[in-house]
Amino acid sequence: MKKKINSISVVMTVKNGEKFLNNAIESILNQSFSHYEFVIIDNNSDDATPKILEDFRKKDSRVKIL
């Protein structure tokens, strides 16, 4: 019998991660399993991180920003 997965959350934190953030987020979003929410916690970044996060949030409904 196959077990049904109700929900999965992937959680990532970031602070001033603009240099590697695109690759990190795309790596998660491009997984073959796609039934999850992706929660990204921005730890008060003062670089381009908030803009990058907002762009991904607008493109993919799985992305949630805190």
PDB file of N, CA and C in Angstrom:
ATOM      1  N   MET A   1       0.841  -1.168   0.000  1.00  0.00           N
ATOM      2  CA  MET A   1       0.000   0.000   0.000  1.00  0.00           C
ATOM      3  C   MET A   1       0.896   1.244   0.000  1.00  0.00           C
ATOM      4  N   LYS A   2       0.563   2.180  -0.860  1.00  0.00           N
ATOM      5  CA  LYS A   2       1.320   3.417  -0.963  1.00  0.00           C
ATOM      6  C   LYS A   2       0.847   4.398   0.092  1.00  0.00           C
ATOM      7  N   LYS A   3       1.814   4.974   0.823  1.00  0.00           N
ATOM      8  CA  LYS A   3       1.478   5.940   1.860  1.00  0.00           C
ATOM      9  C   LYS A   3       1.316   7.324   1.238  1.00  0.00           C
ATOM     10  N   LYS A   4       0.244   8.003   1.591  1.00  0.00           N
ATOM     11  CA  LYS A   4      -0.028   9.337   1.065  1.00  0.00           C
ATOM     12  C   LYS A   4       0.682  10.384   1.920  1.00  0.00           C
ATOM     13  N   ILE A   5       1.371  11.314   1.257  1.00  0.00           N
ATOM     14  CA  ILE A   5       2.034  12.406   1.951  1.00  0.00           C
ATOM     15  C   ILE A   5       1.081  13.598   1.976  1.00  0.00           C
ATOM     16  N   ASN A   6       0.767  14.082   3.171  1.00  0.00           N
ATOM     17  CA  ASN A   6      -0.164  15.196   3.303  1.00  0.00           C
ATOM     18  C   ASN A   6       0.475  16.532   2.967  1.00  0.00           C
ATOM     19  N   SER A   7       1.615  16.836   3.566  1.00  0.00           N
ATOM     20  CA  SER A   7       2.274  18.099   3.260  1.00  0.00           C
ATOM     21  C   SER A   7       3.737  18.051   3.680  1.00  0.00           C
ATOM     22  N   ILE A   8       4.524  18.785   2.945  1.00  0.00           N
ATOM     23  CA  ILE A   8       5.947  18.903   3.226  1.00  0.00           C
ATOM     24  C   ILE A   8       6.308  20.376   3.134  1.00  0.00           C
ATOM     25  N   SER A   9       7.141  20.812   4.067  1.00  0.00           N
ATOM     26  CA  SER A   9       7.679  22.164   4.021  1.00  0.00           C
ATOM     27  C   SER A   9       9.194  22.073   3.924  1.00  0.00           C
ATOM     28  N   VAL A  10       9.749  22.822   2.991  1.00  0.00           N
ATOM     29  CA  VAL A  10      11.192  22.977   2.888  1.00  0.00           C
ATOM     30  C   VAL A  10      11.488  24.361   3.438  1.00  0.00           C
ATOM     31  N   VAL A  11      12.415  24.444   4.399  1.00  0.00           N
ATOM     32  CA  VAL A  11      12.700  25.713   5.057  1.00  0.00           C
ATOM     33  C   VAL A  11      14.165  26.070   4.829  1.00  0.00           C
ATOM     34  N   MET A  12      14.387  27.334   4.468  1.00  0.00           N
ATOM     35  CA  MET A  12      15.738  27.831   4.250  1.00  0.00           C
ATOM     36  C   MET A  12      15.837  29.211   4.887  1.00  0.00           C
ATOM     37  N   THR A  13      16.979  29.496   5.504  1.00  0.00           N
ATOM     38  CA  THR A  13      17.223  30.843   6.011  1.00  0.00           C
ATOM     39  C   THR A  13      18.300  31.498   5.157  1.00  0.00           C
ATOM     40  N   VAL A  14      18.265  32.826   5.111  1.00  0.00           N
ATOM     41  CA  VAL A  14      19.252  33.554   4.315  1.00  0.00           C
ATOM     42  C   VAL A  14      19.496  34.922   4.934  1.00  0.00           C
ATOM     43  N   LYS A  15      20.738  35.344   4.877  1.00  0.00           N
ATOM     44  CA  LYS A  15      21.099  36.726   5.246  1.00  0.00           C
ATOM     45  C   LYS A  15      22.168  37.178   4.267  1.00  0.00           C
ATOM     46  N   ASN A  16      21.846  38.211   3.510  1.00  0.00           N
ATOM     47  CA  ASN A  16      22.773  38.771   2.520  1.00  0.00           C
ATOM     48  C   ASN A  16      23.337  37.684   1.598  1.00  0.00           C
ATOM     49  N   GLY A  17      22.449  36.910   1.022  1.00  0.00           N
ATOM     50  CA  GLY A  17      22.859  35.780   0.199  1.00  0.00           C
ATOM     51  C   GLY A  17      22.740  35.997  -1.292  1.00  0.00           C
ATOM     52  N   GLU A  18      22.730  37.242  -1.743  1.00  0.00           N
ATOM     53  CA  GLU A  18      22.450  37.513  -3.150  1.00  0.00           C
ATOM     54  C   GLU A  18      23.381  36.766  -4.111  1.00  0.00           C
ATOM     55  N   LYS A  19      24.606  36.511  -3.709  1.00  0.00           N
ATOM     56  CA  LYS A  19      25.580  35.882  -4.607  1.00  0.00           C
ATOM     57  C   LYS A  19      25.173  34.455  -5.010  1.00  0.00           C
ATOM     58  N   PHE A  20      24.603  33.706  -4.069  1.00  0.00           N
ATOM     59  CA  PHE A  20      24.275  32.297  -4.322  1.00  0.00           C
ATOM     60  C   PHE A  20      22.785  31.996  -4.256  1.00  0.00           C
ATOM     61  N   LEU A  21      21.976  32.989  -3.968  1.00  0.00           N
ATOM     62  CA  LEU A  21      20.560  32.762  -3.693  1.00  0.00           C
ATOM     63  C   LEU A  21      19.789  32.202  -4.881  1.00  0.00           C
ATOM     64  N   ASN A  22      20.005  32.733  -6.070  1.00  0.00           N
ATOM     65  CA  ASN A  22      19.294  32.217  -7.251  1.00  0.00           C
ATOM     66  C   ASN A  22      19.540  30.732  -7.441  1.00  0.00           C
ATOM     67  N   ASN A  23      20.796  30.317  -7.371  1.00  0.00           N
ATOM     68  CA  ASN A  23      21.122  28.897  -7.558  1.00  0.00           C
ATOM     69  C   ASN A  23      20.521  28.031  -6.463  1.00  0.00           C
ATOM     70  N   ALA A  24      20.556  28.513  -5.223  1.00  0.00           N
ATOM     71  CA  ALA A  24      20.016  27.731  -4.111  1.00  0.00           C
ATOM     72  C   ALA A  24      18.511  27.528  -4.258  1.00  0.00           C
ATOM     73  N   ILE A  25      17.792  28.597  -4.578  1.00  0.00           N
ATOM     74  CA  ILE A  25      16.336  28.504  -4.720  1.00  0.00           C
ATOM     75  C   ILE A  25      15.970  27.644  -5.929  1.00  0.00           C
ATOM     76  N   GLU A  26      16.621  27.871  -7.049  1.00  0.00           N
ATOM     77  CA  GLU A  26      16.322  27.080  -8.249  1.00  0.00           C
ATOM     78  C   GLU A  26      16.609  25.597  -8.023  1.00  0.00           C
ATOM     79  N   SER A  27      17.634  25.287  -7.251  1.00  0.00           N
ATOM     80  CA  SER A  27      17.940  23.895  -6.945  1.00  0.00           C
ATOM     81  C   SER A  27      16.779  23.212  -6.230  1.00  0.00           C
ATOM     82  N   ILE A  28      16.165  23.906  -5.288  1.00  0.00           N
ATOM     83  CA  ILE A  28      15.013  23.347  -4.573  1.00  0.00           C
ATOM     84  C   ILE A  28      13.794  23.267  -5.482  1.00  0.00           C
ATOM     85  N   LEU A  29      13.516  24.334  -6.197  1.00  0.00           N
ATOM     86  CA  LEU A  29      12.302  24.379  -7.028  1.00  0.00           C
ATOM     87  C   LEU A  29      12.348  23.399  -8.200  1.00  0.00           C
ATOM     88  N   ASN A  30      13.532  22.997  -8.634  1.00  0.00           N
ATOM     89  CA  ASN A  30      13.654  22.102  -9.788  1.00  0.00           C
ATOM     90  C   ASN A  30      13.699  20.624  -9.425  1.00  0.00           C
ATOM     91  N   GLN A  31      13.400  20.282  -8.188  1.00  0.00           N
ATOM     92  CA  GLN A  31      13.358  18.878  -7.790  1.00  0.00           C
ATOM     93  C   GLN A  31      12.193  18.169  -8.484  1.00  0.00           C
ATOM     94  N   SER A  32      12.326  16.881  -8.682  1.00  0.00           N
ATOM     95  CA  SER A  32      11.260  16.140  -9.372  1.00  0.00           C
ATOM     96  C   SER A  32       9.991  16.066  -8.521  1.00  0.00           C
ATOM     97  N   PHE A  33      10.123  16.018  -7.209  1.00  0.00           N
ATOM     98  CA  PHE A  33       8.961  16.057  -6.316  1.00  0.00           C
ATOM     99  C   PHE A  33       8.569  17.517  -6.150  1.00  0.00           C
ATOM    100  N   SER A  34       7.322  17.852  -6.401  1.00  0.00           N
ATOM    101  CA  SER A  34       6.946  19.268  -6.402  1.00  0.00           C
ATOM    102  C   SER A  34       5.784  19.624  -5.472  1.00  0.00           C
ATOM    103  N   HIS A  35       5.334  18.682  -4.660  1.00  0.00           N
ATOM    104  CA  HIS A  35       4.190  18.943  -3.780  1.00  0.00           C
ATOM    105  C   HIS A  35       4.671  19.382  -2.399  1.00  0.00           C
ATOM    106  N   TYR A  36       5.120  20.620  -2.302  1.00  0.00           N
ATOM    107  CA  TYR A  36       5.635  21.147  -1.052  1.00  0.00           C
ATOM    108  C   TYR A  36       5.511  22.667  -1.056  1.00  0.00           C
ATOM    109  N   GLU A  37       5.659  23.242   0.127  1.00  0.00           N
ATOM    110  CA  GLU A  37       5.802  24.690   0.231  1.00  0.00           C
ATOM    111  C   GLU A  37       7.267  24.956   0.552  1.00  0.00           C
ATOM    112  N   PHE A  38       7.776  26.054   0.049  1.00  0.00           N
ATOM    113  CA  PHE A  38       9.174  26.419   0.249  1.00  0.00           C
ATOM    114  C   PHE A  38       9.189  27.715   1.055  1.00  0.00           C
ATOM    115  N   VAL A  39       9.504  27.602   2.332  1.00  0.00           N
ATOM    116  CA  VAL A  39       9.508  28.746   3.232  1.00  0.00           C
ATOM    117  C   VAL A  39      10.932  29.272   3.331  1.00  0.00           C
ATOM    118  N   ILE A  40      11.109  30.545   2.986  1.00  0.00           N
ATOM    119  CA  ILE A  40      12.430  31.161   3.050  1.00  0.00           C
ATOM    120  C   ILE A  40      12.370  32.285   4.073  1.00  0.00           C
ATOM    121  N   ILE A  41      13.235  32.205   5.063  1.00  0.00           N
ATOM    122  CA  ILE A  41      13.271  33.194   6.133  1.00  0.00           C
ATOM    123  C   ILE A  41      14.429  34.145   5.854  1.00  0.00           C
ATOM    124  N   ASP A  42      14.094  35.407   5.606  1.00  0.00           N
ATOM    125  CA  ASP A  42      15.107  36.433   5.377  1.00  0.00           C
ATOM    126  C   ASP A  42      15.491  37.040   6.725  1.00  0.00           C
ATOM    127  N   ASN A  43      16.754  36.896   7.078  1.00  0.00           N
ATOM    128  CA  ASN A  43      17.249  37.369   8.368  1.00  0.00           C
ATOM    129  C   ASN A  43      17.790  38.798   8.254  1.00  0.00           C
ATOM    130  N   ASN A  44      16.888  39.727   7.881  1.00  0.00           N
ATOM    131  CA  ASN A  44      17.208  41.150   7.837  1.00  0.00           C
ATOM    132  C   ASN A  44      18.339  41.475   6.854  1.00  0.00           C
ATOM    133  N   SER A  45      18.271  40.947   5.662  1.00  0.00           N
ATOM    134  CA  SER A  45      19.292  41.203   4.646  1.00  0.00           C
ATOM    135  C   SER A  45      19.289  42.660   4.218  1.00  0.00           C
ATOM    136  N   ASP A  46      20.485  43.181   3.914  1.00  0.00           N
ATOM    137  CA  ASP A  46      20.579  44.553   3.433  1.00  0.00           C
ATOM    138  C   ASP A  46      21.250  44.631   2.054  1.00  0.00           C
ATOM    139  N   ASP A  47      21.202  43.513   1.323  1.00  0.00           N
ATOM    140  CA  ASP A  47      21.682  43.496  -0.060  1.00  0.00           C
ATOM    141  C   ASP A  47      20.466  43.278  -0.970  1.00  0.00           C
ATOM    142  N   ALA A  48      20.648  42.654  -2.101  1.00  0.00           N
ATOM    143  CA  ALA A  48      19.546  42.424  -3.052  1.00  0.00           C
ATOM    144  C   ALA A  48      18.688  41.210  -2.706  1.00  0.00           C
ATOM    145  N   THR A  49      18.963  40.564  -1.586  1.00  0.00           N
ATOM    146  CA  THR A  49      18.210  39.364  -1.197  1.00  0.00           C
ATOM    147  C   THR A  49      16.699  39.578  -1.177  1.00  0.00           C
ATOM    148  N   PRO A  50      16.176  40.620  -0.528  1.00  0.00           N
ATOM    149  CA  PRO A  50      14.705  40.785  -0.510  1.00  0.00           C
ATOM    150  C   PRO A  50      14.089  40.875  -1.910  1.00  0.00           C
ATOM    151  N   LYS A  51      14.741  41.542  -2.830  1.00  0.00           N
ATOM    152  CA  LYS A  51      14.229  41.658  -4.215  1.00  0.00           C
ATOM    153  C   LYS A  51      14.235  40.297  -4.902  1.00  0.00           C
ATOM    154  N   ILE A  52      15.314  39.552  -4.734  1.00  0.00           N
ATOM    155  CA  ILE A  52      15.412  38.217  -5.344  1.00  0.00           C
ATOM    156  C   ILE A  52      14.301  37.318  -4.798  1.00  0.00           C
ATOM    157  N   LEU A  53      14.097  37.352  -3.489  1.00  0.00           N
ATOM    158  CA  LEU A  53      13.055  36.530  -2.873  1.00  0.00           C
ATOM    159  C   LEU A  53      11.674  36.904  -3.397  1.00  0.00           C
ATOM    160  N   GLU A  54      11.413  38.184  -3.493  1.00  0.00           N
ATOM    161  CA  GLU A  54      10.108  38.640  -3.989  1.00  0.00           C
ATOM    162  C   GLU A  54       9.889  38.211  -5.431  1.00  0.00           C
ATOM    163  N   ASP A  55      10.917  38.264  -6.252  1.00  0.00           N
ATOM    164  CA  ASP A  55      10.795  37.817  -7.644  1.00  0.00           C
ATOM    165  C   ASP A  55      10.422  36.336  -7.719  1.00  0.00           C
ATOM    166  N   PHE A  56      11.055  35.513  -6.877  1.00  0.00           N
ATOM    167  CA  PHE A  56      10.716  34.087  -6.866  1.00  0.00           C
ATOM    168  C   PHE A  56       9.313  33.865  -6.325  1.00  0.00           C
ATOM    169  N   ARG A  57       8.913  34.626  -5.309  1.00  0.00           N
ATOM    170  CA  ARG A  57       7.564  34.481  -4.749  1.00  0.00           C
ATOM    171  C   ARG A  57       6.502  34.767  -5.801  1.00  0.00           C
ATOM    172  N   LYS A  58       6.761  35.774  -6.635  1.00  0.00           N
ATOM    173  CA  LYS A  58       5.805  36.120  -7.681  1.00  0.00           C
ATOM    174  C   LYS A  58       5.727  35.051  -8.764  1.00  0.00           C
ATOM    175  N   LYS A  59       6.821  34.361  -9.021  1.00  0.00           N
ATOM    176  CA  LYS A  59       6.866  33.354 -10.086  1.00  0.00           C
ATOM    177  C   LYS A  59       6.355  31.987  -9.663  1.00  0.00           C
ATOM    178  N   ASP A  60       6.444  31.672  -8.370  1.00  0.00           N
ATOM    179  CA  ASP A  60       6.130  30.307  -7.933  1.00  0.00           C
ATOM    180  C   ASP A  60       5.325  30.356  -6.639  1.00  0.00           C
ATOM    181  N   SER A  61       4.119  29.844  -6.677  1.00  0.00           N
ATOM    182  CA  SER A  61       3.216  29.907  -5.517  1.00  0.00           C
ATOM    183  C   SER A  61       3.689  29.049  -4.342  1.00  0.00           C
ATOM    184  N   ARG A  62       4.640  28.154  -4.566  1.00  0.00           N
ATOM    185  CA  ARG A  62       5.163  27.345  -3.458  1.00  0.00           C
ATOM    186  C   ARG A  62       6.064  28.155  -2.536  1.00  0.00           C
ATOM    187  N   VAL A  63       6.586  29.269  -3.018  1.00  0.00           N
ATOM    188  CA  VAL A  63       7.541  30.077  -2.242  1.00  0.00           C
ATOM    189  C   VAL A  63       6.789  31.003  -1.289  1.00  0.00           C
ATOM    190  N   LYS A  64       7.151  30.893  -0.014  1.00  0.00           N
ATOM    191  CA  LYS A  64       6.608  31.757   1.033  1.00  0.00           C
ATOM    192  C   LYS A  64       7.792  32.455   1.699  1.00  0.00           C
ATOM    193  N   ILE A  65       7.679  33.777   1.903  1.00  0.00           N
ATOM    194  CA  ILE A  65       8.776  34.561   2.460  1.00  0.00           C
ATOM    195  C   ILE A  65       8.389  35.057   3.854  1.00  0.00           C
ATOM    196  N   LEU A  66       9.276  34.852   4.804  1.00  0.00           N
ATOM    197  CA  LEU A  66       9.091  35.389   6.171  1.00  0.00           C
ATOM    198  C   LEU A  66      10.239  36.319   6.481  1.00  0.00           C
TER     199      LEU A  66
END
